[in-house]
Structures are given as C-alpha cells and as structure tokens.
N, C-alpha and C. Protein backbone atom coordinates (compact mmCIF):
# COMPACT_ATOMS: atom_id res chain seq x y z
N MET A 1 13.24 -50.03 -0.04
CA MET A 1 13.50 -48.87 1.07
C MET A 1 13.80 -47.81 0.52
N LYS A 2 14.49 -47.45 -0.81
CA LYS A 2 14.19 -45.98 -0.92
C LYS A 2 12.89 -45.58 -1.54
N ALA A 3 12.02 -46.30 -1.81
CA ALA A 3 10.57 -46.37 -1.99
C ALA A 3 9.73 -45.58 -0.83
N VAL A 4 10.38 -46.38 0.23
CA VAL A 4 9.76 -45.91 1.82
C VAL A 4 9.88 -44.45 1.89
N ILE A 5 11.38 -44.24 2.10
CA ILE A 5 12.03 -42.99 2.55
C ILE A 5 11.24 -42.13 1.64
N ARG A 6 11.01 -42.18 0.17
CA ARG A 6 10.58 -41.18 -0.81
C ARG A 6 9.11 -40.80 -0.07
N THR A 7 8.44 -41.88 0.10
CA THR A 7 6.92 -41.75 0.44
C THR A 7 7.06 -40.87 1.82
N LEU A 8 7.98 -41.41 3.00
CA LEU A 8 7.99 -40.26 4.16
C LEU A 8 7.89 -39.16 3.66
N ALA A 9 9.27 -38.75 3.07
CA ALA A 9 9.62 -37.53 2.67
C ALA A 9 8.81 -37.05 2.24
N PHE A 10 7.72 -37.22 1.06
CA PHE A 10 6.78 -36.81 0.40
C PHE A 10 5.73 -36.36 1.61
N CYS A 11 5.33 -37.36 2.37
CA CYS A 11 3.80 -37.02 3.11
C CYS A 11 4.61 -35.95 4.33
N ALA A 12 5.72 -35.60 4.73
CA ALA A 12 6.21 -34.90 5.52
C ALA A 12 6.22 -33.85 5.14
N LEU A 13 6.79 -33.18 3.61
CA LEU A 13 6.25 -32.17 2.65
C LEU A 13 4.77 -31.72 2.73
N ALA A 14 4.23 -32.91 2.40
CA ALA A 14 3.00 -32.48 2.16
C ALA A 14 1.83 -32.03 3.71
N ALA A 15 2.63 -32.54 4.58
CA ALA A 15 1.70 -32.09 6.03
C ALA A 15 2.34 -30.83 6.33
N ALA A 16 3.81 -30.65 6.02
CA ALA A 16 4.32 -29.23 6.43
C ALA A 16 3.42 -28.09 5.48
N ALA A 17 2.99 -28.51 4.26
CA ALA A 17 2.46 -27.45 3.41
C ALA A 17 1.01 -27.24 3.82
N CYS A 18 0.30 -28.14 4.12
CA CYS A 18 -1.14 -28.31 4.39
C CYS A 18 -0.99 -27.70 5.84
N GLY A 19 -0.59 -27.11 6.70
CA GLY A 19 -1.06 -26.90 7.85
C GLY A 19 0.15 -26.26 8.76
N ASP A 20 -0.05 -26.00 10.06
CA ASP A 20 0.89 -25.24 10.69
C ASP A 20 1.28 -26.27 12.30
N LEU A 21 2.39 -26.87 12.08
CA LEU A 21 2.56 -27.99 13.10
C LEU A 21 2.53 -27.54 14.45
N GLU A 22 3.02 -26.34 14.65
CA GLU A 22 3.26 -25.80 15.86
C GLU A 22 1.99 -25.25 16.41
N THR A 23 1.10 -25.07 15.91
CA THR A 23 -0.37 -25.09 16.27
C THR A 23 -1.44 -26.03 16.26
N ASN A 24 -1.26 -26.85 15.52
CA ASN A 24 -1.63 -28.01 14.94
C ASN A 24 -2.89 -27.59 14.14
N ASP A 25 -2.48 -26.30 13.35
CA ASP A 25 -3.63 -25.93 12.60
C ASP A 25 -3.52 -26.67 11.34
N ASP A 26 -4.60 -27.56 10.74
CA ASP A 26 -4.61 -28.33 9.66
C ASP A 26 -5.74 -27.79 8.57
N ARG A 27 -5.79 -26.54 8.36
CA ARG A 27 -6.53 -26.00 7.38
C ARG A 27 -5.78 -25.84 6.23
N GLY A 28 -4.57 -26.02 6.25
CA GLY A 28 -3.73 -26.26 4.74
C GLY A 28 -4.08 -24.45 3.91
N TYR A 29 -4.40 -25.15 2.69
CA TYR A 29 -4.21 -23.63 1.88
C TYR A 29 -5.35 -22.64 2.16
N THR A 30 -6.46 -23.19 2.94
CA THR A 30 -7.46 -22.32 3.26
C THR A 30 -6.99 -21.12 4.60
N LYS A 31 -6.23 -21.15 5.21
CA LYS A 31 -5.45 -20.53 6.08
C LYS A 31 -5.98 -19.07 6.34
N ALA A 32 -5.06 -18.59 4.83
CA ALA A 32 -4.92 -16.88 4.67
C ALA A 32 -6.17 -16.43 4.39
N PRO A 33 -7.24 -16.88 3.47
CA PRO A 33 -8.49 -16.36 3.32
C PRO A 33 -9.09 -16.49 4.55
N LEU A 34 -9.23 -17.21 5.45
CA LEU A 34 -9.83 -17.38 6.56
C LEU A 34 -9.44 -16.32 7.52
N GLU A 35 -8.32 -15.99 7.84
CA GLU A 35 -7.83 -15.00 8.66
C GLU A 35 -7.79 -13.78 8.14
N HIS A 36 -8.17 -13.43 6.75
CA HIS A 36 -8.17 -12.04 6.20
C HIS A 36 -9.69 -12.06 5.27
N PRO A 37 -10.80 -11.85 6.24
CA PRO A 37 -12.12 -11.74 5.50
C PRO A 37 -12.58 -10.69 4.55
N THR A 38 -13.28 -10.72 3.97
CA THR A 38 -13.29 -10.05 2.49
C THR A 38 -14.02 -8.87 3.16
N LEU A 39 -13.88 -7.21 3.17
CA LEU A 39 -14.44 -6.29 3.29
C LEU A 39 -15.17 -5.91 2.50
N LEU A 40 -16.56 -5.51 2.69
CA LEU A 40 -17.65 -5.10 1.74
C LEU A 40 -18.19 -3.91 1.68
N ILE A 41 -17.81 -2.82 0.85
CA ILE A 41 -18.44 -1.62 1.08
C ILE A 41 -20.04 -1.52 0.76
N ARG A 42 -20.72 -0.92 1.65
CA ARG A 42 -22.08 -0.97 1.54
C ARG A 42 -22.82 -0.65 0.05
N GLY A 43 -23.46 -1.22 -0.51
CA GLY A 43 -24.01 -1.16 -1.57
C GLY A 43 -23.37 -2.10 -2.61
N GLU A 44 -22.00 -2.49 -2.53
CA GLU A 44 -21.47 -3.50 -3.01
C GLU A 44 -21.86 -4.83 -3.27
N GLN A 45 -21.72 -5.58 -4.09
CA GLN A 45 -21.96 -7.20 -4.21
C GLN A 45 -20.89 -7.89 -3.63
N PRO A 46 -21.36 -8.64 -3.05
CA PRO A 46 -19.87 -9.56 -2.27
C PRO A 46 -19.60 -10.88 -3.65
N SER A 47 -18.60 -11.01 -3.62
CA SER A 47 -17.72 -12.04 -4.73
C SER A 47 -18.20 -13.52 -4.40
N ASP A 48 -18.04 -14.32 -5.26
CA ASP A 48 -18.79 -15.80 -5.21
C ASP A 48 -18.20 -16.37 -4.12
N MET A 49 -16.57 -16.01 -3.97
CA MET A 49 -15.62 -16.50 -2.89
C MET A 49 -16.19 -15.96 -1.47
N ALA A 50 -16.64 -14.68 -1.07
CA ALA A 50 -17.01 -14.21 -0.07
C ALA A 50 -18.29 -14.83 0.38
N LEU A 51 -19.31 -15.38 -0.85
CA LEU A 51 -20.43 -15.90 -0.48
C LEU A 51 -20.19 -17.25 0.49
N LEU A 52 -19.09 -17.82 0.13
CA LEU A 52 -18.82 -19.47 0.63
C LEU A 52 -18.18 -19.18 1.81
N ARG A 53 -17.86 -18.04 2.35
CA ARG A 53 -17.10 -17.69 3.54
C ARG A 53 -18.18 -17.46 4.76
N GLU A 54 -17.75 -16.91 5.82
CA GLU A 54 -18.83 -16.92 7.14
C GLU A 54 -19.86 -15.72 6.79
N PRO A 55 -20.85 -15.76 7.25
CA PRO A 55 -21.84 -14.88 6.72
C PRO A 55 -21.63 -13.81 7.60
N LEU A 56 -20.62 -13.50 8.84
CA LEU A 56 -20.38 -12.21 9.55
C LEU A 56 -19.17 -11.41 8.73
N THR A 57 -19.28 -11.19 7.53
CA THR A 57 -18.24 -10.41 6.64
C THR A 57 -18.48 -9.13 7.03
N PRO A 58 -17.53 -8.19 7.46
CA PRO A 58 -17.79 -6.70 7.74
C PRO A 58 -18.11 -6.06 6.78
N VAL A 59 -18.90 -4.97 7.10
CA VAL A 59 -19.35 -4.03 6.21
C VAL A 59 -18.69 -2.76 6.55
N ILE A 60 -17.86 -1.92 5.41
CA ILE A 60 -17.18 -0.48 6.00
C ILE A 60 -18.39 0.32 5.66
N THR A 61 -18.53 1.56 6.26
CA THR A 61 -19.52 2.30 6.48
C THR A 61 -19.00 4.00 5.93
N GLU A 62 -19.57 4.23 4.85
CA GLU A 62 -19.00 5.29 3.91
C GLU A 62 -18.97 6.55 4.75
N VAL A 63 -18.37 7.25 5.51
CA VAL A 63 -18.15 8.73 6.03
C VAL A 63 -18.10 9.79 5.34
N PRO A 64 -19.14 10.50 5.02
CA PRO A 64 -18.95 11.64 4.15
C PRO A 64 -17.78 12.61 4.77
N MET A 65 -16.98 13.42 3.78
CA MET A 65 -16.19 14.09 4.09
C MET A 65 -16.61 15.76 4.32
N PRO A 66 -15.90 16.78 4.87
CA PRO A 66 -16.36 17.82 4.93
C PRO A 66 -16.04 18.71 3.58
N ASP A 67 -16.89 19.55 3.43
CA ASP A 67 -16.83 20.49 2.22
C ASP A 67 -15.29 21.33 2.37
N THR A 68 -14.38 21.27 1.59
CA THR A 68 -13.47 21.90 1.80
C THR A 68 -12.95 22.79 0.39
N THR A 69 -13.81 23.28 0.00
CA THR A 69 -13.86 23.80 -1.39
C THR A 69 -13.93 25.41 -1.12
N PRO A 70 -13.30 26.37 -1.81
CA PRO A 70 -13.16 27.65 -1.24
C PRO A 70 -14.42 28.29 -1.55
N ALA A 71 -14.61 29.26 -0.55
CA ALA A 71 -15.69 30.17 -0.72
C ALA A 71 -15.68 30.86 -1.92
N GLN A 72 -17.13 30.97 -2.54
CA GLN A 72 -17.05 31.80 -3.99
C GLN A 72 -17.37 33.30 -3.47
N GLU A 73 -16.99 34.05 -4.53
CA GLU A 73 -17.07 35.68 -4.13
C GLU A 73 -18.33 35.46 -4.48
N ALA A 74 -19.05 36.60 -4.00
CA ALA A 74 -20.42 37.34 -3.88
C ALA A 74 -20.48 37.77 -5.71
N PRO A 75 -21.82 37.52 -6.02
CA PRO A 75 -22.21 38.11 -7.21
C PRO A 75 -21.69 39.47 -7.58
N ALA A 76 -21.65 40.06 -8.35
CA ALA A 76 -21.24 41.51 -8.54
C ALA A 76 -22.92 42.04 -8.64
N GLU A 77 -22.87 43.45 -7.96
CA GLU A 77 -24.06 44.25 -7.92
C GLU A 77 -24.68 44.79 -8.96
N GLN A 78 -25.56 44.51 -9.36
CA GLN A 78 -26.48 44.97 -10.37
C GLN A 78 -26.84 46.38 -10.11
N PRO A 79 -26.78 47.46 -11.19
CA PRO A 79 -27.04 48.88 -11.03
C PRO A 79 -28.19 48.92 -10.17
N GLY A 80 -28.51 50.06 -9.64
CA GLY A 80 -29.65 50.19 -8.80
C GLY A 80 -30.09 49.26 -7.59
N GLN A 81 -29.46 48.41 -7.40
CA GLN A 81 -29.63 47.31 -6.23
C GLN A 81 -29.04 47.64 -5.10
N GLN A 82 -29.33 47.78 -3.98
CA GLN A 82 -28.91 47.91 -2.60
C GLN A 82 -28.14 46.67 -1.73
N PRO A 83 -27.08 47.26 -1.91
CA PRO A 83 -26.05 45.94 -1.00
C PRO A 83 -26.63 45.48 0.29
N PRO A 84 -26.38 44.21 0.71
CA PRO A 84 -26.91 43.95 2.14
C PRO A 84 -26.50 44.50 3.12
N PRO A 85 -27.07 45.03 3.99
CA PRO A 85 -26.44 45.33 5.34
C PRO A 85 -25.56 44.81 5.97
N ALA A 86 -24.39 45.52 6.26
CA ALA A 86 -23.34 44.82 7.06
C ALA A 86 -23.81 44.45 8.33
N ALA A 87 -23.51 43.18 9.09
CA ALA A 87 -23.91 43.13 10.52
C ALA A 87 -23.07 43.91 11.11
N GLU A 88 -23.58 44.52 12.29
CA GLU A 88 -23.16 45.26 13.21
C GLU A 88 -21.74 44.56 14.06
N LEU A 89 -20.81 45.64 13.82
CA LEU A 89 -19.90 45.03 14.95
C LEU A 89 -19.54 45.44 15.86
N PRO A 90 -18.97 44.47 17.04
CA PRO A 90 -19.15 44.96 18.53
C PRO A 90 -18.29 45.94 18.51
N GLU A 91 -18.41 46.70 19.54
CA GLU A 91 -17.31 47.70 20.32
C GLU A 91 -15.58 46.95 19.94
N GLY A 92 -14.78 47.51 19.29
CA GLY A 92 -13.33 47.12 19.23
C GLY A 92 -13.22 46.07 18.14
N VAL A 93 -14.00 45.64 17.26
CA VAL A 93 -14.03 44.93 16.09
C VAL A 93 -14.14 45.90 15.01
N THR A 94 -12.90 45.63 14.00
CA THR A 94 -12.95 46.26 12.74
C THR A 94 -13.17 45.67 11.65
N GLN A 95 -13.67 46.10 10.42
CA GLN A 95 -13.68 45.34 8.90
C GLN A 95 -12.56 44.36 8.86
N GLU A 96 -11.37 45.29 9.38
CA GLU A 96 -9.71 44.54 9.02
C GLU A 96 -9.85 43.20 9.52
N MET A 97 -10.35 43.40 11.14
CA MET A 97 -10.20 42.43 11.85
C MET A 97 -10.81 40.97 11.20
N VAL A 98 -12.25 41.42 10.68
CA VAL A 98 -13.03 40.45 10.30
C VAL A 98 -12.27 39.75 8.81
N ALA A 99 -11.91 40.65 8.16
CA ALA A 99 -11.22 40.02 6.91
C ALA A 99 -9.87 39.71 7.52
N ALA A 100 -9.22 39.61 8.34
CA ALA A 100 -7.90 38.81 8.34
C ALA A 100 -8.66 37.25 9.37
N GLY A 101 -9.63 37.54 9.97
CA GLY A 101 -10.26 36.34 10.64
C GLY A 101 -10.48 35.44 9.45
N GLU A 102 -11.61 35.87 8.45
CA GLU A 102 -11.56 35.18 7.30
C GLU A 102 -10.64 34.22 7.02
N GLN A 103 -9.19 35.01 6.61
CA GLN A 103 -8.09 34.42 6.40
C GLN A 103 -7.65 33.18 7.08
N VAL A 104 -7.97 33.57 8.83
CA VAL A 104 -7.16 32.12 9.39
C VAL A 104 -8.31 31.42 9.41
N PHE A 105 -9.47 31.41 9.36
CA PHE A 105 -10.55 30.36 9.10
C PHE A 105 -10.38 29.61 7.99
N GLY A 106 -10.02 30.16 7.03
CA GLY A 106 -9.88 29.49 5.81
C GLY A 106 -8.51 29.23 5.30
N GLY A 107 -7.60 29.36 6.20
CA GLY A 107 -6.08 29.45 5.59
C GLY A 107 -4.84 28.78 7.02
N ALA A 108 -4.79 29.78 7.70
CA ALA A 108 -3.97 29.71 9.04
C ALA A 108 -4.40 28.74 10.00
N GLY A 109 -5.74 28.66 9.99
CA GLY A 109 -6.47 27.56 10.96
C GLY A 109 -6.95 26.59 10.06
N PHE A 110 -7.47 25.74 11.01
CA PHE A 110 -7.89 24.73 10.40
C PHE A 110 -9.77 24.69 10.51
N CYS A 111 -10.16 25.60 10.63
CA CYS A 111 -11.42 25.85 10.94
C CYS A 111 -12.50 25.27 9.85
N PHE A 112 -12.33 25.80 8.83
CA PHE A 112 -12.98 25.10 7.50
C PHE A 112 -13.03 23.37 7.20
N THR A 113 -11.77 23.09 7.93
CA THR A 113 -11.96 21.60 7.55
C THR A 113 -13.35 20.43 8.07
N CYS A 114 -13.72 21.10 9.38
CA CYS A 114 -14.68 20.54 10.10
C CYS A 114 -16.14 21.60 9.93
N HIS A 115 -15.97 22.71 10.19
CA HIS A 115 -17.03 23.57 10.01
C HIS A 115 -17.38 24.04 8.54
N GLY A 116 -16.80 23.46 7.37
CA GLY A 116 -17.24 23.89 6.06
C GLY A 116 -16.53 25.19 5.66
N ALA A 117 -16.27 25.38 4.35
CA ALA A 117 -15.55 26.45 3.75
C ALA A 117 -16.17 27.86 3.95
N THR A 118 -17.41 28.27 4.15
CA THR A 118 -18.13 29.57 4.11
C THR A 118 -19.01 28.93 6.01
N GLY A 119 -18.25 27.95 6.75
CA GLY A 119 -18.96 28.04 8.21
C GLY A 119 -20.46 27.34 8.06
N GLY A 120 -20.88 26.93 6.96
CA GLY A 120 -22.01 26.12 6.75
C GLY A 120 -22.29 24.42 7.60
N GLY A 121 -21.00 24.26 8.39
CA GLY A 121 -20.96 23.00 8.98
C GLY A 121 -21.09 21.72 8.18
N THR A 122 -20.74 20.64 8.55
CA THR A 122 -20.53 19.38 7.90
C THR A 122 -21.15 18.39 9.09
N PRO A 123 -20.71 16.82 8.76
CA PRO A 123 -21.08 16.03 9.54
C PRO A 123 -20.22 15.88 11.10
N LEU A 124 -19.06 16.88 10.78
CA LEU A 124 -18.15 16.61 12.11
C LEU A 124 -18.03 17.96 12.79
N ALA A 125 -18.80 18.84 12.50
CA ALA A 125 -18.79 19.98 13.19
C ALA A 125 -20.18 20.65 12.86
N PRO A 126 -20.60 21.54 13.84
CA PRO A 126 -21.82 22.19 13.63
C PRO A 126 -21.57 23.49 12.72
N PRO A 127 -22.83 24.36 11.98
CA PRO A 127 -22.68 25.27 11.32
C PRO A 127 -22.45 26.46 12.58
N LEU A 128 -21.39 27.30 11.68
CA LEU A 128 -21.21 28.71 12.52
C LEU A 128 -21.89 29.73 11.94
N ALA A 129 -22.60 29.83 10.56
CA ALA A 129 -22.92 30.60 9.91
C ALA A 129 -24.45 30.97 9.94
N ASP A 130 -24.89 30.63 11.33
CA ASP A 130 -26.51 30.82 11.75
C ASP A 130 -26.55 31.29 13.12
N SER A 131 -27.65 31.59 13.37
CA SER A 131 -27.54 32.40 15.08
C SER A 131 -27.77 31.29 16.22
N GLU A 132 -27.90 29.98 15.42
CA GLU A 132 -28.18 28.61 16.69
C GLU A 132 -26.83 28.24 17.06
N TRP A 133 -26.46 28.18 18.58
CA TRP A 133 -25.51 27.82 18.96
C TRP A 133 -25.71 26.77 20.13
N LEU A 134 -24.75 25.82 20.27
CA LEU A 134 -24.85 24.61 21.04
C LEU A 134 -24.18 24.55 22.25
N ASN A 135 -22.93 25.24 22.12
CA ASN A 135 -22.33 25.15 23.34
C ASN A 135 -22.06 26.71 24.31
N ILE A 136 -22.32 27.34 23.83
CA ILE A 136 -22.13 28.98 24.20
C ILE A 136 -23.52 30.00 23.62
N ASP A 137 -23.46 31.16 24.14
CA ASP A 137 -24.32 31.99 23.74
C ASP A 137 -24.27 32.90 22.31
N GLY A 138 -23.08 32.97 21.67
CA GLY A 138 -22.80 33.39 20.63
C GLY A 138 -22.32 34.73 20.81
N SER A 139 -21.70 35.30 21.99
CA SER A 139 -21.16 36.57 21.98
C SER A 139 -19.92 36.70 21.74
N LEU A 140 -19.38 37.79 21.47
CA LEU A 140 -17.80 37.59 21.09
C LEU A 140 -16.95 37.33 21.99
N PRO A 141 -16.87 37.78 23.11
CA PRO A 141 -15.95 36.99 24.10
C PRO A 141 -16.15 35.09 24.30
N GLU A 142 -17.53 34.92 24.04
CA GLU A 142 -17.74 33.45 24.52
C GLU A 142 -17.08 32.70 22.90
N ILE A 143 -17.25 33.50 21.72
CA ILE A 143 -16.63 32.93 20.76
C ILE A 143 -15.12 32.61 20.89
N GLU A 144 -14.62 33.96 21.29
CA GLU A 144 -12.96 33.78 21.50
C GLU A 144 -12.65 32.73 22.58
N ARG A 145 -13.57 32.68 23.47
CA ARG A 145 -13.20 31.40 24.44
C ARG A 145 -13.12 30.18 23.95
N ILE A 146 -14.34 30.02 23.41
CA ILE A 146 -14.38 28.48 22.96
C ILE A 146 -13.59 28.08 21.64
N VAL A 147 -12.99 29.28 20.81
CA VAL A 147 -11.65 28.97 19.85
C VAL A 147 -10.39 28.78 20.34
N ARG A 148 -10.39 29.46 21.78
CA ARG A 148 -8.98 29.39 22.75
C ARG A 148 -9.02 27.95 23.33
N GLU A 149 -10.23 27.76 23.88
CA GLU A 149 -10.06 26.33 24.73
C GLU A 149 -10.65 24.82 23.84
N GLY A 150 -11.40 25.22 22.97
CA GLY A 150 -11.66 24.27 22.07
C GLY A 150 -13.17 23.64 22.93
N VAL A 151 -13.41 22.37 22.55
CA VAL A 151 -14.96 21.90 22.78
C VAL A 151 -14.46 20.10 23.22
N PRO A 152 -13.84 19.98 24.37
CA PRO A 152 -13.64 18.55 24.57
C PRO A 152 -14.56 17.74 24.42
N GLN A 153 -15.81 17.88 24.78
CA GLN A 153 -16.88 16.86 25.07
C GLN A 153 -18.24 17.61 23.94
N PRO A 154 -18.18 17.63 22.65
CA PRO A 154 -19.21 18.03 21.83
C PRO A 154 -20.87 17.37 22.32
N SER A 155 -21.74 18.13 22.09
CA SER A 155 -23.06 17.98 22.85
C SER A 155 -23.53 16.80 21.51
N GLN A 156 -23.77 17.07 20.15
CA GLN A 156 -24.17 16.59 19.19
C GLN A 156 -23.29 16.19 17.86
N TYR A 157 -22.00 16.44 18.06
CA TYR A 157 -21.12 16.09 16.95
C TYR A 157 -20.22 14.90 17.53
N PRO A 158 -19.52 14.08 16.53
CA PRO A 158 -18.67 13.26 16.94
C PRO A 158 -17.33 13.42 17.36
N ALA A 159 -16.57 14.23 17.07
CA ALA A 159 -15.33 14.75 17.41
C ALA A 159 -15.09 15.93 18.34
N ALA A 160 -14.13 15.94 19.12
CA ALA A 160 -13.94 17.01 20.07
C ALA A 160 -13.58 18.16 19.14
N MET A 161 -13.59 19.31 19.41
CA MET A 161 -13.04 20.67 18.83
C MET A 161 -11.48 20.84 19.47
N PRO A 162 -10.09 20.57 18.96
CA PRO A 162 -9.13 20.79 20.17
C PRO A 162 -8.78 22.32 20.02
N PRO A 163 -8.12 22.99 21.09
CA PRO A 163 -7.87 24.09 21.41
C PRO A 163 -7.56 24.75 20.21
N MET A 164 -8.15 26.07 19.56
CA MET A 164 -7.80 26.64 18.59
C MET A 164 -7.80 25.86 17.12
N GLY A 165 -8.66 24.86 17.18
CA GLY A 165 -8.98 23.84 15.99
C GLY A 165 -7.64 23.13 15.81
N GLY A 166 -6.91 22.94 16.60
CA GLY A 166 -5.62 22.53 16.37
C GLY A 166 -4.59 22.93 15.70
N ALA A 167 -4.28 24.12 15.32
CA ALA A 167 -3.67 25.43 14.93
C ALA A 167 -2.94 26.00 16.01
N GLN A 168 -1.85 26.78 15.68
CA GLN A 168 -0.93 27.54 16.62
C GLN A 168 -1.42 28.76 16.34
N LEU A 169 -2.30 29.52 17.00
CA LEU A 169 -2.90 31.06 16.87
C LEU A 169 -2.37 31.82 17.67
N SER A 170 -2.05 33.11 17.30
CA SER A 170 -1.59 34.17 18.12
C SER A 170 -2.98 34.46 18.60
N ASP A 171 -2.73 35.54 19.69
CA ASP A 171 -3.99 36.36 20.21
C ASP A 171 -4.36 37.08 19.14
N GLU A 172 -4.07 37.57 18.82
CA GLU A 172 -4.56 38.36 17.44
C GLU A 172 -5.41 37.72 16.44
N GLN A 173 -4.69 36.36 16.13
CA GLN A 173 -5.66 35.65 15.27
C GLN A 173 -6.94 35.11 15.67
N ILE A 174 -6.71 34.96 17.14
CA ILE A 174 -7.75 34.25 17.98
C ILE A 174 -9.05 35.46 17.90
N ARG A 175 -8.51 36.44 17.98
CA ARG A 175 -9.72 37.77 18.21
C ARG A 175 -10.09 38.02 16.42
N ASP A 176 -9.52 37.97 15.49
CA ASP A 176 -9.94 38.22 14.25
C ASP A 176 -10.74 37.06 13.93
N VAL A 177 -10.48 35.71 14.14
CA VAL A 177 -11.23 34.45 13.57
C VAL A 177 -12.28 34.72 14.57
N ALA A 178 -12.56 35.02 15.86
CA ALA A 178 -13.63 34.88 16.38
C ALA A 178 -14.72 36.20 15.76
N ALA A 179 -13.73 37.52 15.70
CA ALA A 179 -14.67 38.72 14.71
C ALA A 179 -15.48 38.01 13.73
N TYR A 180 -14.53 37.12 12.72
CA TYR A 180 -15.50 36.88 11.74
C TYR A 180 -16.37 35.92 11.84
N ILE A 181 -16.44 34.92 12.77
CA ILE A 181 -17.07 33.78 12.97
C ILE A 181 -18.53 34.66 13.55
N TYR A 182 -18.44 35.90 14.58
CA TYR A 182 -19.64 36.62 14.94
C TYR A 182 -20.12 36.73 13.98
N THR A 183 -19.61 37.63 12.95
CA THR A 183 -20.07 38.25 11.42
C THR A 183 -21.18 37.02 10.86
N ILE A 184 -20.34 36.34 10.67
CA ILE A 184 -21.02 35.37 9.61
C ILE A 184 -22.28 34.52 10.45
N SER A 185 -22.32 34.69 11.76
CA SER A 185 -23.38 34.00 12.57
C SER A 185 -24.55 35.08 12.90
N ARG A 186 -24.51 36.44 12.04
CA ARG A 186 -25.66 37.21 12.36
C ARG A 186 -26.21 37.29 10.96
C-alpha cells in the first residue's frame, strides 16, 4: 500500500512539474523558452537552440543615433587668407543674438539632439544648415514660428518636433535660436 501511495505522490509531483494544471498546459519544461523567443540583431547568427524553434523569430533593426558631438572650432586663418563673408543678418538681428542662439541650439535647447551638433541633420530630423526647407519658406519669422509651435506632422521624418524642441525657452531664447538657424541656413 505504501508503494502505491508513493507512486501516486510521485506521479502527482511529476505532473505538476511538467505542466500547468489550471490551463491544461502540458508543455513541461519547454514552456518558458517558447513564451520568450530569441531576439536576433540583424547580421547576428542564431544559436543552435534558436534554429530549433519557430522560424518566425523576431529581428531587431538597429536605429542610428543622431550625432551629438560638439561642433568643432573653425581652423585658424592663414596669413593673407580672406575670412569667409558673414551671412547678412536681417533687420533687428545682431551677432550677439546669433552667438546666444548657438548656445541655445547646443545647450539650453535640445535642437542638436535631432538636427545634429552643427545643424547638418540626422535620420530623426532634417538639416538646418542648408537652404532647403520642408515645412516653411526659411524666413526669420517662419523659423521663429516653427521653433515656437513645433512640427506636429513632419512630411519626411519619423518623429514630430514638439514646441521649442521639448525645452522651456523664453521669447528671447526663441528669437536667438531662430537667428542662429537663419544664419547657418545661408
């Protein structure tokens, strides 16, 4: 009789260890690996174990991160060399505003995160250091407006630009960063 009780107890323990009685899942020890498939990164070879599982193993696509390296200083001028002509500033804009706007672009604001350290663009947002504009005409008032309001539905890039790039900027900082963007786009 004791042998029968031991056998029944052993069978009950074995059944409990090899499945889930509540859901009638009898996959046993293979349950966890089947519920958590292996994720493969593109270019990576799957393990032998992953090859034995479903053929629909998800693949993670690498998304390139924006360039967040600080802008490099311009090379020192050689004797006898002419400096490049400065962009003509619109009425009411000073070089001090442009310099302050460069600090906002790369520091207080988050502009560089998506547009690149020098405004050259990234996969997340368009370049600002060229004369091509996607959502506006490139005038100083339009640049100020788009900095203030953002771009809720961009035409060619994956993410929306929040108002002020997600930062809390004063009216003066908005004018300064718009002045900086205006000058690098010329």
